[in-house]
């Protein structure tokens, strides 16, 4: 059998390139059902990666902030309305004596509307900023990438959150003032009830003068309530609701302060890490 030259060239070609074929294709059986090509392990890793980008501190702070602001604004608004009703009916029968107080309370109620709207928007913005910084810090979407504008925005949120935290400390202290006033009136009523129960003395000389708190002028009539009149005031629904609503509003202000403290820690940490990792020599300075 004589082998021609073309056949020799073909044989040499197969001998040289037989082991260097880049790919071997095999038949792949079709997947049954709706199973993803990634498999169960791939889906699990994808879920873990997505959960790793959730800013849990900012999420908890947002929920706490929304709850605290809602309690403070809702309960505070209703409690202020009840307070005006109590003053008009029992401590200041002349409308001109508490006209300034009524205007101040009405202004505070409008401010409450603004606070609720602002913190609803601000909480969403801080949560979105937390998602952005957490993804950048943990490098979930490739290598670390950030801009000077992004770091500037993060720094602005840090400063603004610190300012709001200090402001809400003042709001929390201010919201404790009506709780203190209503507690004094309630404790005085309890003293009158105990005297009547024990029959040791009369409670007609035990009075509460709200003019000493400065909420109505000294020339307001009657300005104070004593004995059975004061006890009847404590038994009204306006007093009971206003007292407890002021307590809930104060608790809401405290919850908002805690939420802002969590925001402070989260935003400060994220900003510090972004600032550090944006430096070219961060690996040598770590």
Protein backbone atom coordinates (compact mmCIF):
# COMPACT_ATOMS: atom_id res chain seq x y z
CA UNK A 1 0.00 0.00 0.00
CA UNK A 2 1.44 3.27 -1.09
CA UNK A 3 0.78 6.37 1.04
CA UNK A 4 0.65 9.52 -0.93
CA UNK A 5 2.08 12.86 0.22
CA UNK A 6 -1.31 14.51 0.98
CA UNK A 7 -2.27 11.59 3.20
CA UNK A 8 1.07 11.89 5.04
CA UNK A 9 0.41 15.62 5.69
CA UNK A 10 -3.06 14.90 7.05
CA UNK A 11 -1.70 12.18 9.37
CA UNK A 12 1.04 14.52 10.64
CA UNK A 13 -1.55 17.25 11.30
CA UNK A 14 -3.71 14.92 13.43
CA UNK A 15 -0.67 13.66 15.33
CA UNK A 16 0.50 17.19 16.20
CA UNK A 17 -2.83 18.73 17.20
CA UNK A 18 -4.67 15.77 18.67
CA UNK A 19 -3.81 16.70 22.31
CA UNK A 20 -4.14 20.45 21.89
CA UNK A 21 -7.85 20.71 21.24
CA UNK A 22 -9.15 23.47 23.48
CA UNK A 23 -12.63 22.12 24.20
CA UNK A 24 -14.43 18.83 24.20
CA UNK A 25 -18.17 19.14 23.78
CA UNK A 26 -20.46 16.56 25.31
CA UNK A 27 -24.18 16.26 25.35
CA UNK A 28 -25.70 17.87 28.44
CA UNK A 29 -29.04 16.44 29.56
CA UNK A 30 -31.88 18.92 29.95
CA UNK A 31 -32.70 20.12 33.46
CA UNK A 32 -36.02 18.97 34.81
CA UNK A 33 -38.39 21.41 36.46
CA UNK A 34 -37.41 25.00 37.31
CA UNK A 35 -34.00 24.24 38.82
CA UNK A 36 -31.54 27.06 38.22
CA UNK A 37 -28.28 26.22 36.40
CA UNK A 38 -26.48 27.70 39.41
CA UNK A 39 -27.86 24.96 41.61
CA UNK A 40 -28.88 25.16 45.22
CA UNK A 41 -25.40 26.13 46.38
CA UNK A 42 -25.24 29.01 43.89
CA UNK A 43 -28.58 30.43 45.03
CA UNK A 44 -27.49 30.17 48.64
CA UNK A 45 -24.27 32.05 47.97
CA UNK A 46 -26.19 34.72 46.05
CA UNK A 47 -28.60 35.21 48.96
CA UNK A 48 -25.73 35.43 51.45
CA UNK A 49 -24.07 38.05 49.26
CA UNK A 50 -27.27 40.10 49.07
CA UNK A 51 -27.84 39.86 52.82
CA UNK A 52 -24.25 40.96 53.39
CA UNK A 53 -25.04 44.28 51.73
CA UNK A 54 -27.94 45.11 54.07
CA UNK A 55 -27.00 47.90 56.53
CA UNK A 56 -28.58 46.32 59.59
CA UNK A 57 -27.62 49.20 61.90
CA UNK A 58 -29.23 51.75 59.60
CA UNK A 59 -32.27 49.48 59.15
CA UNK A 60 -32.81 49.17 62.91
CA UNK A 61 -32.26 52.91 63.34
CA UNK A 62 -34.79 53.69 60.59
CA UNK A 63 -37.49 51.52 62.16
CA UNK A 64 -36.79 53.00 65.59
CA UNK A 65 -36.74 56.54 64.20
CA UNK A 66 -40.06 56.10 62.37
CA UNK A 67 -41.68 54.61 65.47
CA UNK A 68 -40.33 57.30 67.80
CA UNK A 69 -41.28 60.20 65.57
CA UNK A 70 -44.75 58.75 64.98
CA UNK A 71 -45.35 58.38 68.73
CA UNK A 72 -43.99 61.83 69.51
CA UNK A 73 -45.93 63.63 66.79
CA UNK A 74 -49.22 61.74 67.07
CA UNK A 75 -49.48 61.58 70.85
CA UNK A 76 -48.03 65.07 71.33
CA UNK A 77 -50.58 66.61 68.96
CA UNK A 78 -53.56 65.05 70.75
CA UNK A 79 -52.12 65.77 74.21
CA UNK A 80 -51.65 69.46 73.41
CA UNK A 81 -55.28 69.71 72.30
CA UNK A 82 -56.41 68.10 75.57
CA UNK A 83 -54.23 70.47 77.58
CA UNK A 84 -55.84 73.53 76.02
CA UNK A 85 -59.28 72.08 76.79
CA UNK A 86 -58.36 71.53 80.46
CA UNK A 87 -57.01 75.08 80.83
CA UNK A 88 -60.06 76.66 79.20
CA UNK A 89 -62.54 74.74 81.35
CA UNK A 90 -60.89 74.81 84.77
CA UNK A 91 -57.98 77.25 85.08
CA UNK A 92 -58.53 80.17 82.69
CA UNK A 93 -62.12 80.98 81.91
CA UNK A 94 -61.23 84.25 80.17
CA UNK A 95 -60.04 83.49 76.63
CA UNK A 96 -57.83 86.58 76.49
CA UNK A 97 -55.70 85.24 79.37
CA UNK A 98 -54.56 82.16 77.47
CA UNK A 99 -54.72 83.55 73.92
CA UNK A 100 -50.93 83.56 73.60
CA UNK A 101 -50.72 80.00 74.90
CA UNK A 102 -53.32 78.86 72.36
CA UNK A 103 -51.35 80.43 69.52
CA UNK A 104 -48.11 78.82 70.71
CA UNK A 105 -49.76 75.40 70.97
CA UNK A 106 -51.28 75.78 67.50
CA UNK A 107 -47.84 76.72 66.14
CA UNK A 108 -46.31 73.68 67.85
CA UNK A 109 -48.89 71.45 66.22
CA UNK A 110 -47.91 72.78 62.79
CA UNK A 111 -44.26 72.20 63.68
CA UNK A 112 -45.16 68.60 64.56
CA UNK A 113 -46.52 68.11 61.03
CA UNK A 114 -43.24 69.41 59.60
CA UNK A 115 -41.15 67.19 61.88
CA UNK A 116 -43.08 64.08 60.87
CA UNK A 117 -42.69 64.83 57.15
CA UNK A 118 -39.01 65.73 57.41
CA UNK A 119 -37.96 62.67 59.39
CA UNK A 120 -39.93 60.35 57.13
CA UNK A 121 -37.91 61.62 54.17
CA UNK A 122 -34.64 61.84 56.11
CA UNK A 123 -34.92 58.29 57.40
CA UNK A 124 -35.38 56.93 53.87
CA UNK A 125 -32.37 58.95 52.63
CA UNK A 126 -30.17 57.70 55.46
CA UNK A 127 -31.23 54.11 54.80
CA UNK A 128 -30.38 54.50 51.11
CA UNK A 129 -27.03 56.06 52.04
CA UNK A 130 -26.41 53.11 54.35
CA UNK A 131 -26.99 50.66 51.48
CA UNK A 132 -24.59 52.64 49.29
CA UNK A 133 -21.76 52.87 51.82
CA UNK A 134 -22.16 49.27 53.00
CA UNK A 135 -21.91 47.96 49.44
CA UNK A 136 -18.86 50.14 48.79
CA UNK A 137 -17.10 49.19 52.02
CA UNK A 138 -17.69 45.43 51.60
CA UNK A 139 -16.89 45.58 47.87
CA UNK A 140 -19.95 43.55 46.94
CA UNK A 141 -20.02 44.72 43.33
CA UNK A 142 -16.41 44.29 42.33
CA UNK A 143 -13.42 46.28 43.47
CA UNK A 144 -13.71 49.29 45.75
CA UNK A 145 -15.04 52.33 43.90
CA UNK A 146 -16.00 55.68 45.35
CA UNK A 147 -15.81 59.33 44.37
CA UNK A 148 -14.98 62.54 46.17
CA UNK A 149 -18.61 63.63 45.73
CA UNK A 150 -19.86 60.44 47.40
CA UNK A 151 -17.51 60.91 50.34
CA UNK A 152 -18.59 64.54 50.63
CA UNK A 153 -22.25 63.52 50.75
CA UNK A 154 -21.50 60.91 53.43
CA UNK A 155 -19.66 63.53 55.47
CA UNK A 156 -22.60 65.92 55.14
CA UNK A 157 -24.96 63.25 56.48
CA UNK A 158 -22.62 62.64 59.42
CA UNK A 159 -22.64 66.35 60.32
CA UNK A 160 -26.39 66.72 59.84
CA UNK A 161 -27.11 63.63 61.95
CA UNK A 162 -24.95 64.98 64.79
CA UNK A 163 -26.84 68.30 64.68
CA UNK A 164 -30.22 66.55 64.69
CA UNK A 165 -29.11 64.32 67.56
CA UNK A 166 -28.23 67.34 69.71
CA UNK A 167 -31.51 69.03 68.74
CA UNK A 168 -33.55 65.96 69.68
CA UNK A 169 -31.86 65.83 73.06
CA UNK A 170 -33.41 69.25 73.65
CA UNK A 171 -36.78 68.02 72.35
CA UNK A 172 -36.60 65.04 74.69
CA UNK A 173 -35.91 67.32 77.68
CA UNK A 174 -38.69 69.70 76.63
CA UNK A 175 -41.19 66.85 76.27
CA UNK A 176 -40.51 65.84 79.88
CA UNK A 177 -41.81 69.22 81.18
CA UNK A 178 -45.56 68.53 80.63
CA UNK A 179 -45.08 65.04 82.06
CA UNK A 180 -43.66 66.64 85.21
CA UNK A 181 -46.57 69.10 85.42
CA UNK A 182 -49.25 66.46 84.97
CA UNK A 183 -47.48 64.19 87.45
CA UNK A 184 -47.58 66.93 90.10
CA UNK A 185 -51.31 67.43 89.54
CA UNK A 186 -51.95 63.68 89.61
CA UNK A 187 -49.90 63.18 92.80
CA UNK A 188 -51.80 66.03 94.48
CA UNK A 189 -55.09 64.36 93.60
CA UNK A 190 -53.82 61.11 95.08
CA UNK A 191 -53.02 62.93 98.32
CA UNK A 192 -56.57 64.31 98.44
CA UNK A 193 -58.03 60.86 97.85
CA UNK A 194 -55.88 59.33 100.60
CA UNK A 195 -57.00 62.00 103.06
CA UNK A 196 -60.65 61.36 102.26
CA UNK A 197 -60.18 57.61 102.55
CA UNK A 198 -58.41 57.78 105.93
CA UNK A 199 -60.62 60.65 107.17
CA UNK A 200 -57.62 62.25 108.82
CA UNK A 201 -58.09 65.76 107.42
CA UNK A 202 -59.93 67.71 104.78
CA UNK A 203 -58.39 68.18 101.37
CA UNK A 204 -60.06 71.50 100.67
CA UNK A 205 -56.86 73.42 101.42
CA UNK A 206 -54.74 71.37 99.02
CA UNK A 207 -54.49 73.25 95.73
CA UNK A 208 -52.66 73.27 92.44
CA UNK A 209 -51.82 76.63 90.89
CA UNK A 210 -50.86 76.26 87.23
CA UNK A 211 -49.84 79.93 87.07
CA UNK A 212 -46.61 79.04 88.81
CA UNK A 213 -45.56 77.03 85.75
CA UNK A 214 -45.74 80.13 83.57
CA UNK A 215 -48.16 78.74 81.02
CA UNK A 216 -50.87 81.29 81.90
CA UNK A 217 -50.42 84.82 83.35
CA UNK A 218 -50.77 85.58 87.06
CA UNK A 219 -53.97 87.56 86.50
CA UNK A 220 -55.76 84.53 85.02
CA UNK A 221 -58.97 83.58 86.82
CA UNK A 222 -59.31 81.24 88.68
CA UNK A 223 -55.75 80.04 87.97
CA UNK A 224 -55.87 77.26 90.55
CA UNK A 225 -58.04 74.36 91.69
CA UNK A 226 -58.46 73.00 95.20
CA UNK A 227 -59.99 70.01 96.97
CA UNK A 228 -62.94 68.33 95.27
CA UNK A 229 -62.64 70.54 92.18
CA UNK A 230 -59.10 69.36 91.64
CA UNK A 231 -60.15 65.77 92.22
CA UNK A 232 -62.87 66.13 89.58
CA UNK A 233 -60.31 67.47 87.14
CA UNK A 234 -58.11 64.41 87.66
CA UNK A 235 -61.11 62.16 87.00
CA UNK A 236 -61.88 63.68 83.59
CA UNK A 237 -61.03 61.88 80.37
CA UNK A 238 -59.07 64.89 79.07
CA UNK A 239 -56.68 64.77 82.01
CA UNK A 240 -56.25 61.00 81.90
CA UNK A 241 -55.63 60.91 78.15
CA UNK A 242 -53.36 63.97 78.07
CA UNK A 243 -51.22 62.70 80.93
CA UNK A 244 -50.60 59.29 79.38
CA UNK A 245 -50.18 60.68 75.87
CA UNK A 246 -47.49 63.06 77.10
CA UNK A 247 -45.69 60.08 78.64
CA UNK A 248 -45.85 58.17 75.34
CA UNK A 249 -44.70 61.26 73.43
CA UNK A 250 -41.72 61.61 75.77
CA UNK A 251 -40.88 57.94 75.23
CA UNK A 252 -41.12 58.48 71.47
CA UNK A 253 -38.68 61.38 71.70
CA UNK A 254 -36.29 59.16 73.66
CA UNK A 255 -36.57 56.43 71.01
CA UNK A 256 -35.78 58.99 68.32
CA UNK A 257 -32.67 60.08 70.22
CA UNK A 258 -31.50 56.46 70.41
CA UNK A 259 -32.17 56.03 66.67
CA UNK A 260 -30.10 59.12 65.87
CA UNK A 261 -27.27 57.83 68.05
CA UNK A 262 -27.27 54.60 66.04
CA UNK A 263 -27.30 56.66 62.83
CA UNK A 264 -24.30 58.63 64.15
CA UNK A 265 -22.25 55.52 64.80
CA UNK A 266 -23.18 53.88 61.49
CA UNK A 267 -22.58 56.96 59.31
CA UNK A 268 -19.35 57.88 61.11
CA UNK A 269 -17.97 54.36 60.71
CA UNK A 270 -18.90 54.15 57.03
CA UNK A 271 -17.47 57.58 56.30
CA UNK A 272 -14.21 56.75 58.08
CA UNK A 273 -13.82 53.50 56.13
CA UNK A 274 -14.62 55.22 52.82
CA UNK A 275 -12.12 57.94 53.60
CA UNK A 276 -9.46 55.39 54.53
CA UNK A 277 -9.95 53.05 51.56
CA UNK A 278 -9.96 55.93 49.10
CA UNK A 279 -6.30 56.60 49.88
CA UNK A 280 -3.83 55.06 47.48
CA UNK A 281 -1.53 53.88 50.26
CA UNK A 282 -4.30 52.40 52.42
CA UNK A 283 -2.78 48.93 52.27
CA UNK A 284 0.58 50.14 53.63
CA UNK A 285 -1.04 52.34 56.29
CA UNK A 286 -3.44 49.74 57.65
